[in-house]
N, C-alpha and C. Protein backbone atom coordinates (compact mmCIF):
# COMPACT_ATOMS: atom_id res chain seq x y z
N UNK A 1 29.92 -10.43 -86.77
CA UNK A 1 28.67 -10.88 -85.97
C UNK A 1 27.55 -11.22 -86.85
N UNK A 2 26.95 -12.41 -86.78
CA UNK A 2 25.86 -12.71 -87.48
C UNK A 2 24.70 -11.95 -87.40
N UNK A 3 23.89 -11.62 -88.44
CA UNK A 3 22.66 -10.80 -88.15
C UNK A 3 21.48 -11.73 -88.68
N UNK A 4 20.35 -11.34 -88.26
CA UNK A 4 19.14 -12.13 -88.55
C UNK A 4 18.42 -11.51 -89.79
N UNK A 5 18.23 -12.19 -90.77
CA UNK A 5 17.59 -11.93 -91.87
C UNK A 5 16.61 -12.91 -92.37
N UNK A 6 15.85 -12.60 -93.28
CA UNK A 6 14.98 -13.66 -93.78
C UNK A 6 15.40 -14.46 -94.91
N UNK A 7 15.17 -15.91 -94.95
CA UNK A 7 15.78 -16.63 -95.89
C UNK A 7 14.54 -16.67 -97.01
N UNK A 8 14.74 -17.44 -97.99
CA UNK A 8 13.80 -17.49 -99.15
C UNK A 8 12.51 -18.14 -98.94
N UNK A 9 12.24 -18.87 -97.56
CA UNK A 9 11.03 -19.25 -97.24
C UNK A 9 10.35 -18.28 -96.00
N UNK A 10 11.13 -17.21 -95.88
CA UNK A 10 10.33 -16.03 -94.99
C UNK A 10 10.88 -16.35 -93.53
N UNK A 11 11.59 -17.32 -93.29
CA UNK A 11 11.93 -17.61 -91.79
C UNK A 11 13.21 -16.71 -91.61
N UNK A 12 13.35 -16.34 -90.33
CA UNK A 12 14.58 -15.62 -89.80
C UNK A 12 15.75 -16.57 -89.90
N UNK A 13 16.78 -16.25 -90.29
CA UNK A 13 17.98 -17.01 -90.71
C UNK A 13 19.25 -16.13 -90.50
N UNK A 14 20.27 -16.64 -89.67
CA UNK A 14 21.46 -16.09 -89.42
C UNK A 14 22.11 -15.56 -90.75
N UNK A 15 23.05 -14.52 -90.79
CA UNK A 15 23.54 -14.13 -91.94
C UNK A 15 24.83 -13.22 -91.57
N UNK A 16 25.77 -13.11 -92.61
CA UNK A 16 26.72 -12.30 -92.49
C UNK A 16 27.03 -11.45 -93.65
N UNK A 17 27.79 -10.33 -93.49
CA UNK A 17 27.95 -9.53 -94.54
C UNK A 17 29.32 -9.98 -95.19
N UNK A 18 29.36 -10.08 -96.59
CA UNK A 18 30.47 -10.46 -97.26
C UNK A 18 30.73 -9.63 -98.46
N UNK A 19 31.98 -9.32 -98.67
CA UNK A 19 32.45 -8.51 -99.72
C UNK A 19 32.93 -9.41 -100.91
N UNK A 20 32.41 -9.17 -102.15
CA UNK A 20 32.78 -9.82 -103.26
C UNK A 20 33.24 -8.88 -104.30
N UNK A 21 34.40 -9.14 -105.04
CA UNK A 21 34.95 -8.57 -106.16
C UNK A 21 34.38 -9.07 -107.44
N UNK A 22 33.64 -8.25 -108.35
CA UNK A 22 33.24 -8.71 -109.51
C UNK A 22 33.63 -7.88 -110.73
N UNK A 23 33.73 -8.66 -112.04
CA UNK A 23 34.22 -7.80 -113.09
C UNK A 23 33.12 -6.80 -113.46
N UNK A 24 33.39 -5.74 -114.13
CA UNK A 24 32.41 -4.95 -114.62
C UNK A 24 31.39 -5.60 -115.44
N UNK A 25 31.67 -6.35 -116.35
CA UNK A 25 30.67 -7.09 -117.14
C UNK A 25 29.86 -7.78 -116.15
N UNK A 26 30.08 -8.46 -115.02
CA UNK A 26 29.27 -9.07 -114.17
C UNK A 26 28.49 -8.17 -113.44
N UNK A 27 28.83 -6.97 -113.14
CA UNK A 27 28.01 -5.96 -112.46
C UNK A 27 26.94 -5.47 -113.52
N UNK A 28 27.43 -5.27 -114.62
CA UNK A 28 26.49 -4.86 -115.73
C UNK A 28 25.24 -5.86 -115.90
N UNK A 29 25.74 -7.19 -115.85
CA UNK A 29 24.77 -8.18 -115.96
C UNK A 29 23.77 -8.09 -114.83
N UNK A 30 24.13 -8.09 -113.64
CA UNK A 30 23.29 -7.83 -112.51
C UNK A 30 22.38 -6.68 -112.51
N UNK A 31 23.07 -5.48 -112.94
CA UNK A 31 22.22 -4.29 -113.14
C UNK A 31 21.06 -4.55 -114.14
N UNK A 32 21.45 -5.22 -115.28
CA UNK A 32 20.53 -5.43 -116.31
C UNK A 32 19.35 -6.29 -115.78
N UNK A 33 19.60 -7.33 -115.03
CA UNK A 33 18.58 -8.11 -114.35
C UNK A 33 17.71 -7.24 -113.39
N UNK A 34 18.32 -6.43 -112.56
CA UNK A 34 17.66 -5.59 -111.61
C UNK A 34 16.66 -4.46 -112.33
N UNK A 35 17.30 -4.07 -113.44
CA UNK A 35 16.42 -3.21 -114.25
C UNK A 35 15.23 -3.76 -114.71
N UNK A 36 15.38 -4.89 -115.28
CA UNK A 36 14.32 -5.67 -116.08
C UNK A 36 13.22 -6.01 -114.95
N UNK A 37 13.62 -6.47 -113.83
CA UNK A 37 12.74 -6.79 -112.76
C UNK A 37 11.98 -5.58 -112.28
N UNK A 38 12.58 -4.49 -112.32
CA UNK A 38 11.97 -3.24 -111.90
C UNK A 38 10.94 -2.79 -112.76
N UNK A 39 11.10 -2.81 -114.02
CA UNK A 39 10.45 -2.38 -115.14
C UNK A 39 9.21 -3.45 -115.39
N UNK A 40 9.39 -4.64 -115.13
CA UNK A 40 8.36 -5.60 -115.51
C UNK A 40 7.41 -5.87 -114.08
N UNK A 41 7.99 -5.50 -112.90
CA UNK A 41 7.17 -5.91 -111.81
C UNK A 41 7.10 -4.72 -110.73
N UNK A 42 7.69 -3.71 -111.03
CA UNK A 42 7.83 -2.51 -109.93
C UNK A 42 8.51 -2.86 -108.55
N UNK A 43 9.25 -3.88 -108.73
CA UNK A 43 10.07 -4.14 -107.45
C UNK A 43 11.48 -3.78 -107.48
N UNK A 44 11.94 -2.92 -106.58
CA UNK A 44 13.23 -2.47 -106.47
C UNK A 44 14.15 -3.61 -105.74
N UNK A 45 15.14 -4.21 -106.44
CA UNK A 45 16.02 -5.15 -105.80
C UNK A 45 17.42 -4.82 -105.71
N UNK A 46 18.12 -5.10 -104.88
CA UNK A 46 19.67 -4.88 -104.86
C UNK A 46 20.27 -6.12 -105.57
N UNK A 47 21.68 -5.83 -106.12
CA UNK A 47 22.48 -6.83 -106.68
C UNK A 47 22.53 -8.14 -105.82
N UNK A 48 22.62 -7.79 -104.62
CA UNK A 48 22.78 -8.94 -103.54
C UNK A 48 21.62 -9.92 -103.61
N UNK A 49 20.48 -9.44 -103.76
CA UNK A 49 19.36 -10.24 -103.74
C UNK A 49 19.37 -11.36 -105.15
N UNK A 50 19.83 -10.83 -106.19
CA UNK A 50 20.03 -11.70 -107.39
C UNK A 50 21.16 -12.60 -107.02
N UNK A 51 22.22 -12.26 -106.41
CA UNK A 51 23.33 -13.09 -106.17
C UNK A 51 22.68 -14.36 -105.13
N UNK A 52 21.98 -13.79 -104.19
CA UNK A 52 21.55 -14.76 -103.14
C UNK A 52 20.55 -15.68 -103.83
N UNK A 53 19.73 -15.18 -104.58
CA UNK A 53 18.71 -16.22 -105.35
C UNK A 53 19.51 -17.08 -106.28
N UNK A 54 20.52 -16.75 -106.95
CA UNK A 54 21.36 -17.65 -107.81
C UNK A 54 22.01 -18.92 -106.92
N UNK A 55 22.47 -18.51 -105.66
CA UNK A 55 23.17 -19.27 -104.86
C UNK A 55 22.20 -20.26 -104.40
N UNK A 56 21.06 -19.67 -103.95
CA UNK A 56 19.88 -20.57 -103.29
C UNK A 56 19.39 -21.69 -104.36
N UNK A 57 19.22 -21.09 -105.54
CA UNK A 57 18.90 -21.96 -106.72
C UNK A 57 19.80 -23.21 -107.00
N UNK A 58 21.12 -22.92 -106.82
CA UNK A 58 22.09 -23.93 -107.07
C UNK A 58 21.99 -24.81 -106.00
N UNK A 59 21.94 -24.39 -104.64
CA UNK A 59 21.77 -25.28 -103.55
C UNK A 59 20.63 -26.30 -103.60
N UNK A 60 19.49 -25.57 -103.85
CA UNK A 60 18.25 -26.50 -103.89
C UNK A 60 18.31 -27.51 -105.02
N UNK A 61 19.10 -27.24 -106.18
CA UNK A 61 19.15 -28.19 -107.11
C UNK A 61 20.31 -29.13 -107.01
N UNK A 62 21.07 -29.00 -105.82
CA UNK A 62 22.10 -29.90 -105.60
C UNK A 62 23.26 -29.77 -106.67
N UNK A 63 23.48 -28.45 -107.19
CA UNK A 63 24.56 -28.39 -108.21
C UNK A 63 25.89 -28.49 -107.58
N UNK A 64 26.78 -29.17 -108.31
CA UNK A 64 28.19 -29.12 -107.85
C UNK A 64 28.92 -28.10 -108.60
N UNK A 65 29.21 -27.03 -108.16
CA UNK A 65 29.68 -25.93 -108.81
C UNK A 65 31.34 -26.02 -108.78
N UNK A 66 31.95 -26.91 -107.89
CA UNK A 66 33.20 -27.20 -107.86
C UNK A 66 33.71 -27.65 -109.08
N UNK A 67 32.80 -28.07 -110.10
CA UNK A 67 33.20 -28.59 -111.26
C UNK A 67 33.58 -27.45 -112.33
N UNK A 68 33.01 -26.31 -112.08
CA UNK A 68 33.02 -25.22 -112.94
C UNK A 68 34.58 -24.41 -112.79
N UNK A 69 35.29 -24.67 -111.77
CA UNK A 69 36.58 -23.94 -111.56
C UNK A 69 37.60 -24.86 -112.40
């Protein structure tokens, strides 16, 4: 069932929970980003926030990620 969350513009947006399997090195990379953000800005973020931001950036730039496969 969709949940209401905030999108990157602060508006309520429907969402759903998704499970993604990542390689250990990918999780380590996300953890590195989260640790750097926490030490630089004092903000605690979840890995999912980084993944959402990367997807949002790709969408806003109109990137065709299908060519990467």
